[in-house]
Amino acid sequence: NIERDSYLATNIRPTVGLAIIIHDQKSFPFMDDFGTTVQPG
Protein backbone atom coordinates (compact mmCIF):
# COMPACT_ATOMS: atom_id res chain seq x y z
CA ASN A 1 0.00 0.00 0.00
CA ILE A 2 1.69 3.24 -1.10
CA GLU A 3 -0.69 5.36 1.04
CA ARG A 4 -1.16 7.90 -1.71
CA ASP A 5 -3.00 10.43 0.45
CA SER A 6 0.10 10.86 2.61
CA TYR A 7 2.30 12.00 -0.29
CA LEU A 8 3.77 15.48 -0.03
CA ALA A 9 3.19 17.74 -3.01
CA THR A 10 6.44 18.40 -4.88
CA ASN A 11 7.45 19.78 -8.24
CA ILE A 12 10.72 17.86 -8.35
CA ARG A 13 9.15 14.48 -9.13
CA PRO A 14 5.32 14.84 -9.22
CA THR A 15 4.61 11.10 -9.46
CA VAL A 16 3.20 8.32 -7.28
CA GLY A 17 4.21 4.69 -7.09
CA LEU A 18 7.34 2.76 -6.23
CA ALA A 19 10.82 2.72 -7.76
CA ILE A 20 12.59 -0.65 -7.80
CA ILE A 21 16.03 -1.77 -8.88
CA ILE A 22 17.44 -5.31 -9.18
CA HIS A 23 21.08 -5.33 -8.14
CA ASP A 24 23.84 -7.57 -6.85
CA GLN A 25 24.14 -7.74 -3.07
CA LYS A 26 27.60 -6.16 -3.29
CA SER A 27 26.45 -3.29 -5.53
CA PHE A 28 24.92 -0.13 -4.13
CA PRO A 29 21.31 0.50 -5.29
CA PHE A 30 21.35 3.87 -7.04
CA MET A 31 17.60 4.39 -6.89
CA ASP A 32 17.71 8.07 -7.86
CA ASP A 33 19.40 7.35 -11.18
CA PHE A 34 18.44 3.83 -12.23
CA GLY A 35 15.22 2.89 -10.41
CA THR A 36 12.26 1.61 -12.49
CA THR A 37 8.84 2.98 -11.54
CA VAL A 38 5.93 0.68 -10.66
CA GLN A 39 2.46 2.22 -10.62
CA PRO A 40 -0.47 1.42 -8.29
CA GLY A 41 -3.56 -0.45 -9.43
PDB file of all heavy atoms in Angstrom:
ATOM      1  N   ASN A   1       0.861  -1.177   0.000  1.00  0.00           N
ATOM      2  CA  ASN A   1       0.000   0.000   0.000  1.00  0.00           C
ATOM      3  C   ASN A   1       0.900   1.230   0.000  1.00  0.00           C
ATOM      4  O   ASN A   1       1.677   1.434   0.931  1.00  0.00           O
ATOM      5  CB  ASN A   1      -0.896  -0.009   1.239  1.00  0.00           C
ATOM      6  CG  ASN A   1      -1.891   1.130   1.230  1.00  0.00           C
ATOM      7  OD1 ASN A   1      -1.820   2.048   0.418  1.00  0.00           O
ATOM      8  ND2 ASN A   1      -2.842   1.078   2.161  1.00  0.00           N
ATOM      9  N   ILE A   2       0.819   2.065  -1.031  1.00  0.00           N
ATOM     10  CA  ILE A   2       1.694   3.238  -1.105  1.00  0.00           C
ATOM     11  C   ILE A   2       1.139   4.421  -0.322  1.00  0.00           C
ATOM     12  O   ILE A   2       1.783   5.463  -0.226  1.00  0.00           O
ATOM     13  CB  ILE A   2       1.942   3.654  -2.566  1.00  0.00           C
ATOM     14  CG1 ILE A   2       0.637   4.121  -3.222  1.00  0.00           C
ATOM     15  CG2 ILE A   2       2.583   2.515  -3.346  1.00  0.00           C
ATOM     16  CD1 ILE A   2       0.847   4.777  -4.570  1.00  0.00           C
ATOM     17  N   GLU A   3      -0.075   4.287   0.233  1.00  0.00           N
ATOM     18  CA  GLU A   3      -0.687   5.359   1.037  1.00  0.00           C
ATOM     19  C   GLU A   3      -0.607   6.705   0.311  1.00  0.00           C
ATOM     20  O   GLU A   3      -0.005   7.666   0.767  1.00  0.00           O
ATOM     21  CB  GLU A   3      -0.012   5.459   2.407  1.00  0.00           C
ATOM     22  CG  GLU A   3      -0.090   4.180   3.220  1.00  0.00           C
ATOM     23  CD  GLU A   3       0.646   4.304   4.533  1.00  0.00           C
ATOM     24  OE1 GLU A   3       0.215   5.135   5.379  1.00  0.00           O
ATOM     25  OE2 GLU A   3       1.658   3.606   4.711  1.00  0.00           O
ATOM     26  N   ARG A   4      -1.265   6.754  -0.806  1.00  0.00           N
ATOM     27  CA  ARG A   4      -1.164   7.898  -1.708  1.00  0.00           C
ATOM     28  C   ARG A   4      -1.565   9.225  -1.056  1.00  0.00           C
ATOM     29  O   ARG A   4      -0.988  10.276  -1.356  1.00  0.00           O
ATOM     30  CB  ARG A   4      -2.041   7.639  -2.930  1.00  0.00           C
ATOM     31  CG  ARG A   4      -1.937   8.669  -4.027  1.00  0.00           C
ATOM     32  CD  ARG A   4      -2.619   8.148  -5.266  1.00  0.00           C
ATOM     33  NE  ARG A   4      -2.521   9.043  -6.394  1.00  0.00           N
ATOM     34  CZ  ARG A   4      -2.857   8.717  -7.630  1.00  0.00           C
ATOM     35  NH1 ARG A   4      -3.304   7.485  -7.885  1.00  0.00           N
ATOM     36  NH2 ARG A   4      -2.753   9.589  -8.620  1.00  0.00           N
ATOM     37  N   ASP A   5      -2.524   9.198  -0.179  1.00  0.00           N
ATOM     38  CA  ASP A   5      -3.000  10.432   0.449  1.00  0.00           C
ATOM     39  C   ASP A   5      -1.955  11.074   1.354  1.00  0.00           C
ATOM     40  O   ASP A   5      -2.084  12.250   1.701  1.00  0.00           O
ATOM     41  CB  ASP A   5      -4.274  10.163   1.256  1.00  0.00           C
ATOM     42  CG  ASP A   5      -5.459   9.826   0.360  1.00  0.00           C
ATOM     43  OD1 ASP A   5      -5.407  10.189  -0.836  1.00  0.00           O
ATOM     44  OD2 ASP A   5      -6.418   9.185   0.840  1.00  0.00           O
ATOM     45  N   SER A   6      -0.932  10.304   1.731  1.00  0.00           N
ATOM     46  CA  SER A   6       0.101  10.861   2.610  1.00  0.00           C
ATOM     47  C   SER A   6       1.284  11.436   1.836  1.00  0.00           C
ATOM     48  O   SER A   6       2.246  11.906   2.445  1.00  0.00           O
ATOM     49  CB  SER A   6       0.597   9.788   3.584  1.00  0.00           C
ATOM     50  OG  SER A   6       1.254   8.743   2.879  1.00  0.00           O
ATOM     51  N   TYR A   7       1.216  11.430   0.512  1.00  0.00           N
ATOM     52  CA  TYR A   7       2.297  12.002  -0.289  1.00  0.00           C
ATOM     53  C   TYR A   7       2.353  13.516  -0.103  1.00  0.00           C
ATOM     54  O   TYR A   7       1.325  14.182   0.018  1.00  0.00           O
ATOM     55  CB  TYR A   7       2.086  11.691  -1.780  1.00  0.00           C
ATOM     56  CG  TYR A   7       2.646  10.358  -2.216  1.00  0.00           C
ATOM     57  CD1 TYR A   7       2.318   9.185  -1.542  1.00  0.00           C
ATOM     58  CD2 TYR A   7       3.479  10.259  -3.316  1.00  0.00           C
ATOM     59  CE1 TYR A   7       2.820   7.963  -1.948  1.00  0.00           C
ATOM     60  CE2 TYR A   7       3.979   9.038  -3.739  1.00  0.00           C
ATOM     61  CZ  TYR A   7       3.645   7.895  -3.046  1.00  0.00           C
ATOM     62  OH  TYR A   7       4.137   6.682  -3.453  1.00  0.00           O
ATOM     63  N   LEU A   8       3.569  14.039  -0.086  1.00  0.00           N
ATOM     64  CA  LEU A   8       3.774  15.479  -0.031  1.00  0.00           C
ATOM     65  C   LEU A   8       3.847  16.026  -1.450  1.00  0.00           C
ATOM     66  O   LEU A   8       4.519  15.451  -2.311  1.00  0.00           O
ATOM     67  CB  LEU A   8       5.067  15.813   0.725  1.00  0.00           C
ATOM     68  CG  LEU A   8       5.123  15.376   2.194  1.00  0.00           C
ATOM     69  CD1 LEU A   8       6.499  15.700   2.779  1.00  0.00           C
ATOM     70  CD2 LEU A   8       4.025  16.057   3.008  1.00  0.00           C
ATOM     71  N   ALA A   9       3.168  17.121  -1.688  1.00  0.00           N
ATOM     72  CA  ALA A   9       3.192  17.737  -3.012  1.00  0.00           C
ATOM     73  C   ALA A   9       4.589  18.270  -3.305  1.00  0.00           C
ATOM     74  O   ALA A   9       5.201  18.941  -2.480  1.00  0.00           O
ATOM     75  CB  ALA A   9       2.166  18.865  -3.082  1.00  0.00           C
ATOM     76  N   THR A  10       5.125  17.939  -4.485  1.00  0.00           N
ATOM     77  CA  THR A  10       6.444  18.400  -4.877  1.00  0.00           C
ATOM     78  C   THR A  10       6.507  18.571  -6.384  1.00  0.00           C
ATOM     79  O   THR A  10       5.854  17.829  -7.131  1.00  0.00           O
ATOM     80  CB  THR A  10       7.542  17.407  -4.432  1.00  0.00           C
ATOM     81  OG1 THR A  10       8.802  17.839  -4.943  1.00  0.00           O
ATOM     82  CG2 THR A  10       7.243  16.005  -4.916  1.00  0.00           C
ATOM     83  N   ASN A  11       7.277  19.549  -6.811  1.00  0.00           N
ATOM     84  CA  ASN A  11       7.449  19.785  -8.244  1.00  0.00           C
ATOM     85  C   ASN A  11       8.694  19.079  -8.793  1.00  0.00           C
ATOM     86  O   ASN A  11       8.927  19.088  -9.995  1.00  0.00           O
ATOM     87  CB  ASN A  11       7.556  21.290  -8.513  1.00  0.00           C
ATOM     88  CG  ASN A  11       6.252  22.011  -8.235  1.00  0.00           C
ATOM     89  OD1 ASN A  11       5.178  21.458  -8.440  1.00  0.00           O
ATOM     90  ND2 ASN A  11       6.341  23.243  -7.756  1.00  0.00           N
ATOM     91  N   ILE A  12       9.495  18.525  -7.897  1.00  0.00           N
ATOM     92  CA  ILE A  12      10.721  17.861  -8.345  1.00  0.00           C
ATOM     93  C   ILE A  12      10.396  16.573  -9.083  1.00  0.00           C
ATOM     94  O   ILE A  12      10.893  16.313 -10.173  1.00  0.00           O
ATOM     95  CB  ILE A  12      11.634  17.565  -7.141  1.00  0.00           C
ATOM     96  CG1 ILE A  12      12.003  18.874  -6.433  1.00  0.00           C
ATOM     97  CG2 ILE A  12      12.883  16.826  -7.591  1.00  0.00           C
ATOM     98  CD1 ILE A  12      12.764  18.664  -5.148  1.00  0.00           C
ATOM     99  N   ARG A  13       9.546  15.739  -8.509  1.00  0.00           N
ATOM    100  CA  ARG A  13       9.147  14.475  -9.125  1.00  0.00           C
ATOM    101  C   ARG A  13       7.664  14.258  -8.805  1.00  0.00           C
ATOM    102  O   ARG A  13       7.312  13.514  -7.894  1.00  0.00           O
ATOM    103  CB  ARG A  13      10.008  13.347  -8.568  1.00  0.00           C
ATOM    104  CG  ARG A  13       9.924  12.044  -9.342  1.00  0.00           C
ATOM    105  CD  ARG A  13      10.477  12.169 -10.747  1.00  0.00           C
ATOM    106  NE  ARG A  13      11.889  12.478 -10.743  1.00  0.00           N
ATOM    107  CZ  ARG A  13      12.859  11.571 -10.699  1.00  0.00           C
ATOM    108  NH1 ARG A  13      12.551  10.294 -10.645  1.00  0.00           N
ATOM    109  NH2 ARG A  13      14.115  11.956 -10.742  1.00  0.00           N
ATOM    110  N   PRO A  14       6.755  14.913  -9.547  1.00  0.00           N
ATOM    111  CA  PRO A  14       5.316  14.837  -9.225  1.00  0.00           C
ATOM    112  C   PRO A  14       4.688  13.530  -9.696  1.00  0.00           C
ATOM    113  O   PRO A  14       3.845  13.496 -10.599  1.00  0.00           O
ATOM    114  CB  PRO A  14       4.747  16.047  -9.969  1.00  0.00           C
ATOM    115  CG  PRO A  14       5.650  16.218 -11.149  1.00  0.00           C
ATOM    116  CD  PRO A  14       7.026  15.807 -10.676  1.00  0.00           C
ATOM    117  N   THR A  15       5.111  12.422  -9.093  1.00  0.00           N
ATOM    118  CA  THR A  15       4.607  11.100  -9.463  1.00  0.00           C
ATOM    119  C   THR A  15       4.264  10.318  -8.206  1.00  0.00           C
ATOM    120  O   THR A  15       4.682  10.667  -7.093  1.00  0.00           O
ATOM    121  CB  THR A  15       5.656  10.313 -10.271  1.00  0.00           C
ATOM    122  OG1 THR A  15       6.853  10.167  -9.476  1.00  0.00           O
ATOM    123  CG2 THR A  15       5.998  11.026 -11.568  1.00  0.00           C
ATOM    124  N   VAL A  16       3.501   9.246  -8.374  1.00  0.00           N
ATOM    125  CA  VAL A  16       3.196   8.323  -7.282  1.00  0.00           C
ATOM    126  C   VAL A  16       3.541   6.918  -7.734  1.00  0.00           C
ATOM    127  O   VAL A  16       3.563   6.607  -8.927  1.00  0.00           O
ATOM    128  CB  VAL A  16       1.714   8.394  -6.855  1.00  0.00           C
ATOM    129  CG1 VAL A  16       1.376   9.758  -6.291  1.00  0.00           C
ATOM    130  CG2 VAL A  16       0.801   8.056  -8.031  1.00  0.00           C
ATOM    131  N   GLY A  17       3.845   6.062  -6.784  1.00  0.00           N
ATOM    132  CA  GLY A  17       4.209   4.689  -7.087  1.00  0.00           C
ATOM    133  C   GLY A  17       5.479   4.306  -6.355  1.00  0.00           C
ATOM    134  O   GLY A  17       5.890   4.959  -5.391  1.00  0.00           O
ATOM    135  N   LEU A  18       6.092   3.246  -6.812  1.00  0.00           N
ATOM    136  CA  LEU A  18       7.337   2.761  -6.231  1.00  0.00           C
ATOM    137  C   LEU A  18       8.421   2.726  -7.302  1.00  0.00           C
ATOM    138  O   LEU A  18       8.137   2.526  -8.482  1.00  0.00           O
ATOM    139  CB  LEU A  18       7.167   1.351  -5.665  1.00  0.00           C
ATOM    140  CG  LEU A  18       6.212   1.156  -4.496  1.00  0.00           C
ATOM    141  CD1 LEU A  18       6.150  -0.322  -4.125  1.00  0.00           C
ATOM    142  CD2 LEU A  18       6.645   1.978  -3.294  1.00  0.00           C
ATOM    143  N   ALA A  19       9.663   2.916  -6.877  1.00  0.00           N
ATOM    144  CA  ALA A  19      10.817   2.719  -7.757  1.00  0.00           C
ATOM    145  C   ALA A  19      11.562   1.482  -7.267  1.00  0.00           C
ATOM    146  O   ALA A  19      11.823   1.341  -6.066  1.00  0.00           O
ATOM    147  CB  ALA A  19      11.728   3.938  -7.736  1.00  0.00           C
ATOM    148  N   ILE A  20      11.878   0.575  -8.168  1.00  0.00           N
ATOM    149  CA  ILE A  20      12.585  -0.649  -7.799  1.00  0.00           C
ATOM    150  C   ILE A  20      13.833  -0.779  -8.649  1.00  0.00           C
ATOM    151  O   ILE A  20      13.916  -0.244  -9.765  1.00  0.00           O
ATOM    152  CB  ILE A  20      11.703  -1.904  -7.969  1.00  0.00           C
ATOM    153  CG1 ILE A  20      11.359  -2.114  -9.457  1.00  0.00           C
ATOM    154  CG2 ILE A  20      10.446  -1.811  -7.131  1.00  0.00           C
ATOM    155  CD1 ILE A  20      10.715  -3.454  -9.742  1.00  0.00           C
ATOM    156  N   ILE A  21      14.816  -1.476  -8.131  1.00  0.00           N
ATOM    157  CA  ILE A  21      16.031  -1.772  -8.878  1.00  0.00           C
ATOM    158  C   ILE A  21      16.526  -3.152  -8.469  1.00  0.00           C
ATOM    159  O   ILE A  21      16.523  -3.497  -7.273  1.00  0.00           O
ATOM    160  CB  ILE A  21      17.117  -0.693  -8.634  1.00  0.00           C
ATOM    161  CG1 ILE A  21      18.331  -0.930  -9.531  1.00  0.00           C
ATOM    162  CG2 ILE A  21      17.533  -0.638  -7.179  1.00  0.00           C
ATOM    163  CD1 ILE A  21      19.328   0.223  -9.522  1.00  0.00           C
ATOM    164  N   ILE A  22      16.893  -3.974  -9.437  1.00  0.00           N
ATOM    165  CA  ILE A  22      17.444  -5.309  -9.180  1.00  0.00           C
ATOM    166  C   ILE A  22      18.961  -5.177  -9.245  1.00  0.00           C
ATOM    167  O   ILE A  22      19.507  -4.731 -10.254  1.00  0.00           O
ATOM    168  CB  ILE A  22      16.964  -6.330 -10.231  1.00  0.00           C
ATOM    169  CG1 ILE A  22      15.441  -6.274 -10.384  1.00  0.00           C
ATOM    170  CG2 ILE A  22      17.419  -7.729  -9.853  1.00  0.00           C
ATOM    171  CD1 ILE A  22      14.674  -6.592  -9.134  1.00  0.00           C
ATOM    172  N   HIS A  23      19.634  -5.542  -8.180  1.00  0.00           N
ATOM    173  CA  HIS A  23      21.084  -5.333  -8.142  1.00  0.00           C
ATOM    174  C   HIS A  23      21.753  -6.453  -7.362  1.00  0.00           C
ATOM    175  O   HIS A  23      21.119  -7.165  -6.560  1.00  0.00           O
ATOM    176  CB  HIS A  23      21.411  -3.975  -7.489  1.00  0.00           C
ATOM    177  CG  HIS A  23      20.973  -3.871  -6.056  1.00  0.00           C
ATOM    178  ND1 HIS A  23      21.818  -4.122  -5.000  1.00  0.00           N
ATOM    179  CD2 HIS A  23      19.771  -3.545  -5.511  1.00  0.00           C
ATOM    180  CE1 HIS A  23      21.163  -3.956  -3.855  1.00  0.00           C
ATOM    181  NE2 HIS A  23      19.917  -3.610  -4.133  1.00  0.00           N
ATOM    182  N   ASP A  24      23.043  -6.600  -7.596  1.00  0.00           N
ATOM    183  CA  ASP A  24      23.838  -7.573  -6.854  1.00  0.00           C
ATOM    184  C   ASP A  24      23.951  -7.132  -5.404  1.00  0.00           C
ATOM    185  O   ASP A  24      23.916  -5.934  -5.098  1.00  0.00           O
ATOM    186  CB  ASP A  24      25.232  -7.679  -7.482  1.00  0.00           C
ATOM    187  CG  ASP A  24      26.073  -8.768  -6.850  1.00  0.00           C
ATOM    188  OD1 ASP A  24      25.670  -9.938  -6.913  1.00  0.00           O
ATOM    189  OD2 ASP A  24      27.132  -8.439  -6.286  1.00  0.00           O
ATOM    190  N   GLN A  25      24.097  -8.087  -4.496  1.00  0.00           N
ATOM    191  CA  GLN A  25      24.142  -7.738  -3.070  1.00  0.00           C
ATOM    192  C   GLN A  25      25.368  -6.922  -2.710  1.00  0.00           C
ATOM    193  O   GLN A  25      25.383  -6.249  -1.673  1.00  0.00           O
ATOM    194  CB  GLN A  25      24.088  -9.020  -2.226  1.00  0.00           C
ATOM    195  CG  GLN A  25      22.722  -9.685  -2.270  1.00  0.00           C
ATOM    196  CD  GLN A  25      22.756 -11.123  -1.791  1.00  0.00           C
ATOM    197  OE1 GLN A  25      23.724 -11.825  -2.020  1.00  0.00           O
ATOM    198  NE2 GLN A  25      21.695 -11.550  -1.129  1.00  0.00           N
ATOM    199  N   LYS A  26      26.406  -6.947  -3.552  1.00  0.00           N
ATOM    200  CA  LYS A  26      27.600  -6.155  -3.287  1.00  0.00           C
ATOM    201  C   LYS A  26      27.634  -4.858  -4.092  1.00  0.00           C
ATOM    202  O   LYS A  26      28.651  -4.165  -4.101  1.00  0.00           O
ATOM    203  CB  LYS A  26      28.850  -6.995  -3.571  1.00  0.00           C
ATOM    204  CG  LYS A  26      29.022  -8.166  -2.624  1.00  0.00           C
ATOM    205  CD  LYS A  26      30.306  -8.919  -2.891  1.00  0.00           C
ATOM    206  CE  LYS A  26      30.487 -10.084  -1.926  1.00  0.00           C
ATOM    207  NZ  LYS A  26      31.753 -10.824  -2.173  1.00  0.00           N
ATOM    208  N   SER A  27      26.546  -4.538  -4.773  1.00  0.00           N
ATOM    209  CA  SER A  27      26.453  -3.289  -5.530  1.00  0.00           C
ATOM    210  C   SER A  27      25.458  -2.361  -4.858  1.00  0.00           C
ATOM    211  O   SER A  27      24.371  -2.788  -4.457  1.00  0.00           O
ATOM    212  CB  SER A  27      26.009  -3.561  -6.976  1.00  0.00           C
ATOM    213  OG  SER A  27      26.945  -4.377  -7.644  1.00  0.00           O
ATOM    214  N   PHE A  28      25.812  -1.087  -4.772  1.00  0.00           N
ATOM    215  CA  PHE A  28      24.918  -0.131  -4.129  1.00  0.00           C
ATOM    216  C   PHE A  28      23.721   0.160  -5.033  1.00  0.00           C
ATOM    217  O   PHE A  28      23.882   0.336  -6.246  1.00  0.00           O
ATOM    218  CB  PHE A  28      25.676   1.172  -3.829  1.00  0.00           C
ATOM    219  CG  PHE A  28      24.871   2.160  -3.031  1.00  0.00           C
ATOM    220  CD1 PHE A  28      24.789   2.042  -1.652  1.00  0.00           C
ATOM    221  CD2 PHE A  28      24.188   3.190  -3.649  1.00  0.00           C
ATOM    222  CE1 PHE A  28      24.050   2.938  -0.907  1.00  0.00           C
ATOM    223  CE2 PHE A  28      23.443   4.094  -2.919  1.00  0.00           C
ATOM    224  CZ  PHE A  28      23.375   3.973  -1.548  1.00  0.00           C
ATOM    225  N   PRO A  29      22.501   0.220  -4.464  1.00  0.00           N
ATOM    226  CA  PRO A  29      21.312   0.497  -5.291  1.00  0.00           C
ATOM    227  C   PRO A  29      21.138   1.990  -5.535  1.00  0.00           C
ATOM    228  O   PRO A  29      20.665   2.723  -4.664  1.00  0.00           O
ATOM    229  CB  PRO A  29      20.169  -0.057  -4.432  1.00  0.00           C
ATOM    230  CG  PRO A  29      20.661   0.065  -3.021  1.00  0.00           C
ATOM    231  CD  PRO A  29      22.150  -0.140  -3.066  1.00  0.00           C
ATOM    232  N   PHE A  30      21.495   2.456  -6.700  1.00  0.00           N
ATOM    233  CA  PHE A  30      21.352   3.873  -7.038  1.00  0.00           C
ATOM    234  C   PHE A  30      19.925   4.128  -7.527  1.00  0.00           C
ATOM    235  O   PHE A  30      19.656   4.236  -8.731  1.00  0.00           O
ATOM    236  CB  PHE A  30      22.380   4.274  -8.098  1.00  0.00           C
ATOM    237  CG  PHE A  30      23.793   4.215  -7.598  1.00  0.00           C
ATOM    238  CD1 PHE A  30      24.656   3.221  -8.038  1.00  0.00           C
ATOM    239  CD2 PHE A  30      24.262   5.139  -6.683  1.00  0.00           C
ATOM    240  CE1 PHE A  30      25.964   3.168  -7.581  1.00  0.00           C
ATOM    241  CE2 PHE A  30      25.571   5.088  -6.214  1.00  0.00           C
ATOM    242  CZ  PHE A  30      26.422   4.098  -6.666  1.00  0.00           C
ATOM    243  N   MET A  31      19.012   4.234  -6.572  1.00  0.00           N
ATOM    244  CA  MET A  31      17.603   4.392  -6.894  1.00  0.00           C
ATOM    245  C   MET A  31      17.330   5.674  -7.655  1.00  0.00           C
ATOM    246  O   MET A  31      16.535   5.707  -8.591  1.00  0.00           O
ATOM    247  CB  MET A  31      16.775   4.369  -5.606  1.00  0.00           C
ATOM    248  CG  MET A  31      16.819   3.062  -4.855  1.00  0.00           C
ATOM    249  SD  MET A  31      16.082   1.703  -5.782  1.00  0.00           S
ATOM    250  CE  MET A  31      14.447   2.339  -6.074  1.00  0.00           C
ATOM    251  N   ASP A  32      17.983   6.771  -7.246  1.00  0.00           N
ATOM    252  CA  ASP A  32      17.707   8.071  -7.857  1.00  0.00           C
ATOM    253  C   ASP A  32      17.978   8.064  -9.355  1.00  0.00           C
ATOM    254  O   ASP A  32      17.286   8.737 -10.128  1.00  0.00           O
ATOM    255  CB  ASP A  32      18.566   9.164  -7.209  1.00  0.00           C
ATOM    256  CG  ASP A  32      18.256   9.328  -5.724  1.00  0.00           C
ATOM    257  OD1 ASP A  32      17.517   8.484  -5.187  1.00  0.00           O
ATOM    258  OD2 ASP A  32      18.745  10.287  -5.118  1.00  0.00           O
ATOM    259  N   ASP A  33      18.973   7.315  -9.785  1.00  0.00           N
ATOM    260  CA  ASP A  33      19.402   7.355 -11.176  1.00  0.00           C
ATOM    261  C   ASP A  33      18.870   6.194 -12.020  1.00  0.00           C
ATOM    262  O   ASP A  33      18.621   6.372 -13.213  1.00  0.00           O
ATOM    263  CB  ASP A  33      20.937   7.340 -11.242  1.00  0.00           C
ATOM    264  CG  ASP A  33      21.550   8.569 -10.603  1.00  0.00           C
ATOM    265  OD1 ASP A  33      21.666   9.593 -11.286  1.00  0.00           O
ATOM    266  OD2 ASP A  33      21.908   8.499  -9.416  1.00  0.00           O
ATOM    267  N   PHE A  34      18.714   5.013 -11.425  1.00  0.00           N
ATOM    268  CA  PHE A  34      18.437   3.831 -12.233  1.00  0.00           C
ATOM    269  C   PHE A  34      17.201   3.046 -11.791  1.00  0.00           C
ATOM    270  O   PHE A  34      16.970   1.948 -12.294  1.00  0.00           O
ATOM    271  CB  PHE A  34      19.663   2.909 -12.226  1.00  0.00           C
ATOM    272  CG  PHE A  34      20.931   3.599 -12.641  1.00  0.00           C
ATOM    273  CD1 PHE A  34      21.890   3.933 -11.696  1.00  0.00           C
ATOM    274  CD2 PHE A  34      21.154   3.940 -13.957  1.00  0.00           C
ATOM    275  CE1 PHE A  34      23.061   4.578 -12.059  1.00  0.00           C
ATOM    276  CE2 PHE A  34      22.315   4.597 -14.337  1.00  0.00           C
ATOM    277  CZ  PHE A  34      23.266   4.915 -13.384  1.00  0.00           C
ATOM    278  N   GLY A  35      16.420   3.589 -10.855  1.00  0.00           N
ATOM    279  CA  GLY A  35      15.215   2.890 -10.409  1.00  0.00           C
ATOM    280  C   GLY A  35      14.134   2.868 -11.484  1.00  0.00           C
ATOM    281  O   GLY A  35      13.976   3.814 -12.252  1.00  0.00           O
ATOM    282  N   THR A  36      13.379   1.766 -11.553  1.00  0.00           N
ATOM    283  CA  THR A  36      12.261   1.613 -12.491  1.00  0.00           C
ATOM    284  C   THR A  36      10.956   1.797 -11.730  1.00  0.00           C
ATOM    285  O   THR A  36      10.759   1.192 -10.679  1.00  0.00           O
ATOM    286  CB  THR A  36      12.283   0.224 -13.151  1.00  0.00           C
ATOM    287  OG1 THR A  36      13.523   0.052 -13.841  1.00  0.00           O
ATOM    288  CG2 THR A  36      11.143   0.067 -14.132  1.00  0.00           C
ATOM    289  N   THR A  37      10.067   2.627 -12.256  1.00  0.00           N
ATOM    290  CA  THR A  37       8.839   2.978 -11.542  1.00  0.00           C
ATOM    291  C   THR A  37       7.760   1.922 -11.741  1.00  0.00           C
ATOM    292  O   THR A  37       7.559   1.413 -12.849  1.00  0.00           O
ATOM    293  CB  THR A  37       8.318   4.344 -12.015  1.00  0.00           C
ATOM    294  OG1 THR A  37       9.331   5.328 -11.822  1.00  0.00           O
ATOM    295  CG2 THR A  37       7.078   4.756 -11.239  1.00  0.00           C
ATOM    296  N   VAL A  38       7.070   1.600 -10.640  1.00  0.00           N
ATOM    297  CA  VAL A  38       5.933   0.677 -10.656  1.00  0.00           C
ATOM    298  C   VAL A  38       4.712   1.452 -10.184  1.00  0.00           C
ATOM    299  O   VAL A  38       4.747   2.077  -9.121  1.00  0.00           O
ATOM    300  CB  VAL A  38       6.189  -0.526  -9.730  1.00  0.00           C
ATOM    301  CG1 VAL A  38       4.973  -1.443  -9.707  1.00  0.00           C
ATOM    302  CG2 VAL A  38       7.428  -1.291 -10.177  1.00  0.00           C
ATOM    303  N   GLN A  39       3.638   1.421 -10.944  1.00  0.00           N
ATOM    304  CA  GLN A  39       2.459   2.222 -10.621  1.00  0.00           C
ATOM    305  C   GLN A  39       1.431   1.426  -9.836  1.00  0.00           C
ATOM    306  O   GLN A  39       1.371   0.199  -9.930  1.00  0.00           O
ATOM    307  CB  GLN A  39       1.834   2.765 -11.901  1.00  0.00           C
ATOM    308  CG  GLN A  39       1.177   1.703 -12.760  1.00  0.00           C
ATOM    309  CD  GLN A  39       0.634   2.267 -14.047  1.00  0.00           C
ATOM    310  OE1 GLN A  39       1.344   2.427 -15.021  1.00  0.00           O
ATOM    311  NE2 GLN A  39      -0.648   2.586 -14.040  1.00  0.00           N
ATOM    312  N   PRO A  40       0.579   2.107  -9.040  1.00  0.00           N
ATOM    313  CA  PRO A  40      -0.474   1.420  -8.285  1.00  0.00           C
ATOM    314  C   PRO A  40      -1.621   0.982  -9.188  1.00  0.00           C
ATOM    315  O   PRO A  40      -1.775   1.477 -10.315  1.00  0.00           O
ATOM    316  CB  PRO A  40      -0.929   2.488  -7.289  1.00  0.00           C
ATOM    317  CG  PRO A  40      -0.616   3.789  -7.959  1.00  0.00           C
ATOM    318  CD  PRO A  40       0.637   3.547  -8.746  1.00  0.00           C
ATOM    319  N   GLY A  41      -2.419   0.054  -8.674  1.00  0.00           N
ATOM    320  CA  GLY A  41      -3.558  -0.454  -9.425  1.00  0.00           C
ATOM    321  C   GLY A  41      -3.177  -1.464 -10.486  1.00  0.00           C
ATOM    322  O   GLY A  41      -4.019  -1.883 -11.281  1.00  0.00           O
TER     323      GLY A  41
END
